[in-house]
Amino acid sequence: MSTNASVSASPPALKILMLHGYTQSGPLFHAKTRALEKSLVKTFPSSTLHYPTAPIPLHPADIPGFTPSSQTPSDDTDEEASAFGWWRRKDGTPVYEGIEKGLERVASTIRAEGPFDGVIGFSQGGAMAGMVASLLEPGRRESMDALRRTSSEKFAYPSSFLDDKGGVLQRPLKFAIIYSGFAAPLELYSGFYEPKVKTPVLIVVGGVDTVVEENRTKLLIECCEGGEGRVVTHPGGHFVPSGKQWLDAVLGFVSGSVGEADGKGARKEEQRVEDMDMPY
């Protein structure tokens, strides 16, 4: 009996998928989230964080705010790309060009390095994290197929997220954490959010973020079940905060979500993000 108590008290080792933002890469995102990684591994010993790089190489003209000059290399040069995206936004439309490739890269990472317990994403990677959590939920394929029958323009459930037997690639995630994220345009991508995302999602927002418009983040919150109660706002901008109180909020959320998913409930109420003294 004491052995069982000891086992249940031991934090589980987690596998976490880390999805970088637009113009970043896996290694760069790793470098920018060292404090987060250190805190997670300290709290959940032997946990591993996995940082794939998005498949779409970006040229200078793809980067917001870019101003060309005579020294700027053209897109057809052989210079190796150092910035990547999970998709490109087609000007003036709600279309995400290349999103199928982005989802395929995530799916191949799940096959090679998963299954994963959770996903953490930043900015465009945060939007992708919400989509991945959605795709792995029970019934999502059927609901997306139903929407597709009402309009052929609706995004179809990606075949890359199916295993060899036609089932979903892996079990549902226990949690998702989205930094400076947003929801995809509902005109085409409502299947990710109808019905709402049921996976526990923590949304971390920069109070002075000028990159992601507030209405896009609010839409994401509305698309997640219980989303209004799982929002943390830090006083900074468009970045992953590394201060102790923001890391503690993430750790409390992960602890509660993993405990609930494992059938133990939130065994430490004081660690639940909903109960922490945070500026929401």
Protein backbone atom coordinates (compact mmCIF):
# COMPACT_ATOMS: atom_id res chain seq x y z
CA MET A 1 0.00 0.00 0.00
CA SER A 2 2.82 2.38 0.82
CA THR A 3 4.43 1.43 -2.50
CA ASN A 4 1.33 2.53 -4.40
CA ALA A 5 1.26 5.82 -2.53
CA SER A 6 4.90 6.39 -3.39
CA VAL A 7 4.31 5.67 -7.06
CA SER A 8 1.28 7.98 -7.28
CA ALA A 9 3.25 10.80 -5.64
CA SER A 10 6.03 10.63 -8.24
CA PRO A 11 5.64 13.19 -11.03
CA PRO A 12 5.34 11.49 -14.43
CA ALA A 13 7.93 11.85 -17.16
CA LEU A 14 6.30 13.77 -19.99
CA LYS A 15 6.89 14.02 -23.72
CA ILE A 16 6.07 17.51 -24.93
CA LEU A 17 5.87 18.73 -28.53
CA MET A 18 7.26 22.26 -28.96
CA LEU A 19 6.08 24.28 -31.98
CA HIS A 20 7.98 27.44 -32.88
CA GLY A 21 6.63 30.68 -34.28
CA TYR A 22 6.67 32.12 -37.79
CA THR A 23 10.23 33.00 -38.96
CA GLN A 24 11.77 30.79 -36.27
CA SER A 25 13.10 27.21 -36.26
CA GLY A 26 13.17 24.31 -33.83
CA PRO A 27 16.70 25.07 -32.56
CA LEU A 28 15.95 28.79 -32.20
CA PHE A 29 12.76 28.12 -30.26
CA HIS A 30 14.70 25.71 -28.06
CA ALA A 31 17.21 28.45 -27.28
CA LYS A 32 14.43 30.90 -26.43
CA THR A 33 12.62 28.50 -24.08
CA ARG A 34 15.51 27.22 -21.95
CA ALA A 35 13.97 28.54 -18.73
CA LEU A 36 10.65 26.86 -19.52
CA GLU A 37 12.40 23.59 -20.35
CA LYS A 38 14.45 23.71 -17.15
CA SER A 39 11.35 24.28 -15.02
CA LEU A 40 9.38 21.50 -16.69
CA VAL A 41 12.18 18.96 -16.39
CA LYS A 42 12.82 19.93 -12.76
CA THR A 43 9.13 19.43 -11.90
CA PHE A 44 8.67 16.37 -14.09
CA PRO A 45 12.04 14.54 -14.03
CA SER A 46 13.11 12.65 -17.16
CA SER A 47 10.65 14.60 -19.30
CA THR A 48 11.71 15.42 -22.85
CA LEU A 49 10.83 18.38 -25.07
CA HIS A 50 10.87 17.88 -28.84
CA TYR A 51 11.45 20.78 -31.24
CA PRO A 52 10.66 20.07 -34.91
CA THR A 53 11.30 22.74 -37.53
CA ALA A 54 8.41 23.77 -39.78
CA PRO A 55 8.71 22.64 -43.41
CA ILE A 56 8.23 25.93 -45.27
CA PRO A 57 11.45 27.96 -45.73
CA LEU A 58 10.85 31.70 -45.62
CA HIS A 59 12.59 34.31 -47.72
CA PRO A 60 13.13 37.90 -46.57
CA ALA A 61 10.03 39.06 -48.46
CA ASP A 62 7.91 36.63 -46.41
CA ILE A 63 8.84 38.33 -43.15
CA PRO A 64 6.50 41.08 -41.88
CA GLY A 65 8.06 44.52 -41.97
CA PHE A 66 10.68 43.56 -44.55
CA THR A 67 11.89 46.37 -46.79
CA PRO A 68 13.88 45.24 -49.85
CA SER A 69 17.20 46.83 -50.73
CA SER A 70 19.74 46.42 -53.49
CA GLN A 71 21.73 44.07 -51.25
CA THR A 72 18.76 41.77 -50.57
CA PRO A 73 19.21 38.35 -52.23
CA SER A 74 16.39 37.26 -54.52
CA ASP A 75 14.14 34.32 -53.67
CA ASP A 76 15.85 32.09 -56.20
CA THR A 77 19.29 32.20 -54.61
CA ASP A 78 20.87 29.11 -53.06
CA GLU A 79 21.28 30.76 -49.67
CA GLU A 80 20.10 28.34 -46.99
CA ALA A 81 16.96 29.47 -45.16
CA SER A 82 17.14 30.07 -41.42
CA ALA A 83 13.51 31.08 -40.93
CA PHE A 84 10.53 28.76 -41.34
CA GLY A 85 6.76 28.71 -41.13
CA TRP A 86 4.01 26.13 -40.67
CA TRP A 87 2.12 27.92 -43.47
CA ARG A 88 1.96 31.23 -45.32
CA ARG A 89 -1.06 33.51 -45.23
CA LYS A 90 -2.26 34.19 -48.77
CA ASP A 91 -2.67 37.95 -49.15
CA GLY A 92 -6.24 39.16 -48.86
CA THR A 93 -7.71 35.70 -48.27
CA PRO A 94 -8.33 33.37 -45.31
CA VAL A 95 -6.25 30.66 -47.02
CA TYR A 96 -3.25 29.18 -45.22
CA GLU A 97 -0.94 28.09 -48.03
CA GLY A 98 1.11 25.03 -47.16
CA ILE A 99 -0.81 24.11 -44.00
CA GLU A 100 -1.03 20.51 -45.22
CA LYS A 101 2.79 20.38 -45.23
CA GLY A 102 2.90 21.89 -41.76
CA LEU A 103 0.49 19.30 -40.39
CA GLU A 104 2.41 16.53 -42.14
CA ARG A 105 5.63 17.66 -40.40
CA VAL A 106 3.89 17.51 -37.04
CA ALA A 107 2.41 14.09 -37.86
CA SER A 108 5.80 12.72 -38.89
CA THR A 109 7.25 13.99 -35.60
CA ILE A 110 4.49 12.22 -33.68
CA ARG A 111 5.26 8.99 -35.55
CA ALA A 112 9.01 9.24 -35.00
CA GLU A 113 9.18 10.70 -31.48
CA GLY A 114 5.72 10.37 -29.92
CA PRO A 115 3.25 9.71 -28.57
CA PHE A 116 3.17 13.05 -26.80
CA ASP A 117 1.49 14.05 -23.55
CA GLY A 118 1.15 17.71 -24.44
CA VAL A 119 1.99 20.47 -26.89
CA ILE A 120 3.38 23.96 -26.36
CA GLY A 121 3.36 26.50 -29.17
CA PHE A 122 4.25 30.13 -29.74
CA SER A 123 2.50 32.56 -32.10
CA GLN A 124 1.89 30.68 -35.38
CA GLY A 125 3.12 27.58 -33.57
CA GLY A 126 0.52 28.35 -30.90
CA ALA A 127 -2.21 28.35 -33.51
CA MET A 128 -0.83 25.05 -34.80
CA ALA A 129 -0.78 23.65 -31.25
CA GLY A 130 -4.50 24.33 -30.93
CA MET A 131 -5.14 22.58 -34.24
CA VAL A 132 -3.06 19.55 -33.26
CA ALA A 133 -4.88 19.21 -29.93
CA SER A 134 -8.17 19.38 -31.81
CA LEU A 135 -7.21 16.80 -34.44
CA LEU A 136 -6.29 14.22 -31.80
CA GLU A 137 -9.62 14.44 -29.98
CA PRO A 138 -12.26 11.71 -30.28
CA GLY A 139 -14.90 12.51 -32.88
CA ARG A 140 -12.99 15.36 -34.54
CA ARG A 141 -12.58 13.49 -37.82
CA GLU A 142 -16.31 12.79 -37.97
CA SER A 143 -17.28 16.39 -37.17
CA MET A 144 -14.88 17.76 -39.80
CA ASP A 145 -16.24 15.31 -42.35
CA ALA A 146 -19.77 16.49 -41.54
CA LEU A 147 -18.82 20.14 -42.05
CA ARG A 148 -17.09 19.23 -45.26
CA ARG A 149 -20.35 17.80 -46.57
CA THR A 150 -22.03 21.17 -46.06
CA SER A 151 -19.28 23.04 -47.93
CA SER A 152 -16.44 21.64 -50.02
CA GLU A 153 -14.37 24.71 -49.08
CA LYS A 154 -14.11 23.58 -45.46
CA PHE A 155 -10.74 22.14 -44.50
CA ALA A 156 -10.76 18.35 -44.54
CA TYR A 157 -9.39 16.15 -41.77
CA PRO A 158 -5.72 15.59 -42.76
CA SER A 159 -4.87 12.03 -43.78
CA SER A 160 -1.43 12.51 -42.23
CA PHE A 161 -3.10 12.28 -38.78
CA LEU A 162 -4.37 8.77 -39.46
CA ASP A 163 -2.42 5.60 -38.72
CA ASP A 164 -2.06 2.60 -41.02
CA LYS A 165 -5.40 1.22 -39.85
CA GLY A 166 -7.29 4.46 -40.42
CA GLY A 167 -7.42 5.45 -36.76
CA VAL A 168 -6.18 8.66 -35.17
CA LEU A 169 -2.39 8.84 -35.02
CA GLN A 170 -2.13 8.91 -31.21
CA ARG A 171 -4.24 9.30 -28.07
CA PRO A 172 -5.67 12.74 -27.19
CA LEU A 173 -3.24 15.17 -25.60
CA LYS A 174 -3.45 15.83 -21.88
CA PHE A 175 -2.80 19.54 -22.29
CA ALA A 176 -1.90 22.34 -24.68
CA ILE A 177 -0.19 25.63 -23.81
CA ILE A 178 -0.45 28.46 -26.31
CA TYR A 179 1.72 31.57 -26.09
CA SER A 180 0.63 34.61 -28.12
CA GLY A 181 -1.55 32.35 -30.25
CA PHE A 182 -4.70 32.77 -32.30
CA ALA A 183 -7.46 30.84 -34.03
CA ALA A 184 -7.42 30.17 -37.77
CA PRO A 185 -10.03 31.99 -39.93
CA LEU A 186 -13.37 30.30 -39.37
CA GLU A 187 -14.43 30.69 -43.01
CA LEU A 188 -12.30 27.68 -43.95
CA TYR A 189 -10.98 26.20 -40.72
CA SER A 190 -14.02 26.08 -38.42
CA GLY A 191 -13.72 22.29 -38.29
CA PHE A 192 -10.85 22.65 -35.84
CA TYR A 193 -13.10 24.52 -33.42
CA GLU A 194 -16.64 23.17 -33.98
CA PRO A 195 -17.30 21.63 -31.57
CA LYS A 196 -15.01 23.50 -29.19
CA VAL A 197 -11.56 22.13 -28.37
CA LYS A 198 -12.00 19.92 -25.31
CA THR A 199 -8.31 19.36 -24.53
CA PRO A 200 -7.30 21.53 -21.52
CA VAL A 201 -5.71 24.63 -23.05
CA LEU A 202 -3.79 27.37 -21.23
CA ILE A 203 -3.52 30.60 -23.23
CA VAL A 204 -0.70 32.96 -22.25
CA VAL A 205 -1.09 36.49 -23.59
CA GLY A 206 1.26 39.47 -23.65
CA GLY A 207 -0.52 42.55 -22.35
CA VAL A 208 1.28 44.78 -24.85
CA ASP A 209 1.56 42.28 -27.71
CA THR A 210 1.38 44.31 -30.94
CA VAL A 211 1.96 41.37 -33.29
CA VAL A 212 -1.18 39.26 -32.73
CA GLU A 213 -4.38 41.29 -32.73
CA GLU A 214 -6.47 40.98 -29.57
CA ASN A 215 -9.59 39.87 -31.44
CA ARG A 216 -7.71 36.89 -32.90
CA THR A 217 -6.67 35.75 -29.44
CA LYS A 218 -10.19 36.27 -28.10
CA LEU A 219 -11.53 34.06 -30.87
CA LEU A 220 -9.12 31.31 -29.83
CA ILE A 221 -10.26 31.63 -26.20
CA GLU A 222 -13.88 31.30 -27.31
CA CYS A 223 -13.02 28.20 -29.35
CA CYS A 224 -11.66 26.32 -26.31
CA GLU A 225 -13.95 24.70 -23.77
CA GLY A 226 -13.50 26.59 -20.51
CA GLY A 227 -11.14 28.95 -22.28
CA GLU A 228 -12.15 32.08 -20.36
CA GLY A 229 -10.91 30.51 -17.13
CA ARG A 230 -7.55 29.46 -18.53
CA VAL A 231 -5.97 32.72 -19.63
CA VAL A 232 -2.83 34.25 -18.11
CA THR A 233 -1.78 37.77 -19.11
CA HIS A 234 1.80 38.88 -18.56
CA PRO A 235 2.88 42.54 -18.82
CA GLY A 236 5.21 42.01 -21.79
CA GLY A 237 4.87 41.71 -25.53
CA HIS A 238 5.20 38.98 -28.15
CA PHE A 239 7.44 36.43 -26.42
CA VAL A 240 7.48 33.46 -24.03
CA PRO A 241 7.88 34.95 -20.53
CA SER A 242 10.50 33.37 -18.29
CA GLY A 243 9.68 35.01 -14.96
CA LYS A 244 9.01 32.70 -12.03
CA GLN A 245 5.33 33.59 -11.61
CA TRP A 246 4.63 32.84 -15.29
CA LEU A 247 6.54 29.57 -15.15
CA ASP A 248 4.68 28.61 -11.96
CA ALA A 249 1.38 29.21 -13.73
CA VAL A 250 2.39 26.82 -16.50
CA LEU A 251 3.65 24.19 -14.07
CA GLY A 252 0.44 24.36 -12.04
CA PHE A 253 -1.65 23.98 -15.17
CA VAL A 254 0.36 21.01 -16.42
CA SER A 255 0.23 19.31 -13.01
CA GLY A 256 -3.53 19.67 -12.82
CA SER A 257 -4.13 18.60 -16.41
CA VAL A 258 -1.87 15.55 -16.25
CA GLY A 259 -3.33 14.49 -12.90
CA GLU A 260 -6.87 14.76 -14.22
CA ALA A 261 -6.01 12.89 -17.43
CA ASP A 262 -4.41 10.11 -15.39
CA GLY A 263 -7.58 9.75 -13.32
CA LYS A 264 -6.11 11.25 -10.17
CA GLY A 265 -7.85 14.61 -10.31
CA ALA A 266 -6.04 17.80 -9.46
CA ARG A 267 -4.39 16.40 -6.38
CA LYS A 268 -2.93 19.75 -5.36
CA GLU A 269 -5.60 22.41 -5.62
CA GLU A 270 -3.17 25.18 -4.85
CA GLN A 271 -1.27 24.37 -8.03
CA ARG A 272 -4.23 24.78 -10.37
CA VAL A 273 -3.84 27.83 -12.58
CA GLU A 274 -7.49 28.78 -11.97
CA ASP A 275 -6.72 29.24 -8.28
CA MET A 276 -3.41 31.08 -8.53
CA ASP A 277 -3.12 34.76 -7.75
CA MET A 278 -2.39 35.84 -11.31
CA PRO A 279 -3.33 38.95 -13.36
CA TYR A 280 -5.90 37.47 -15.75
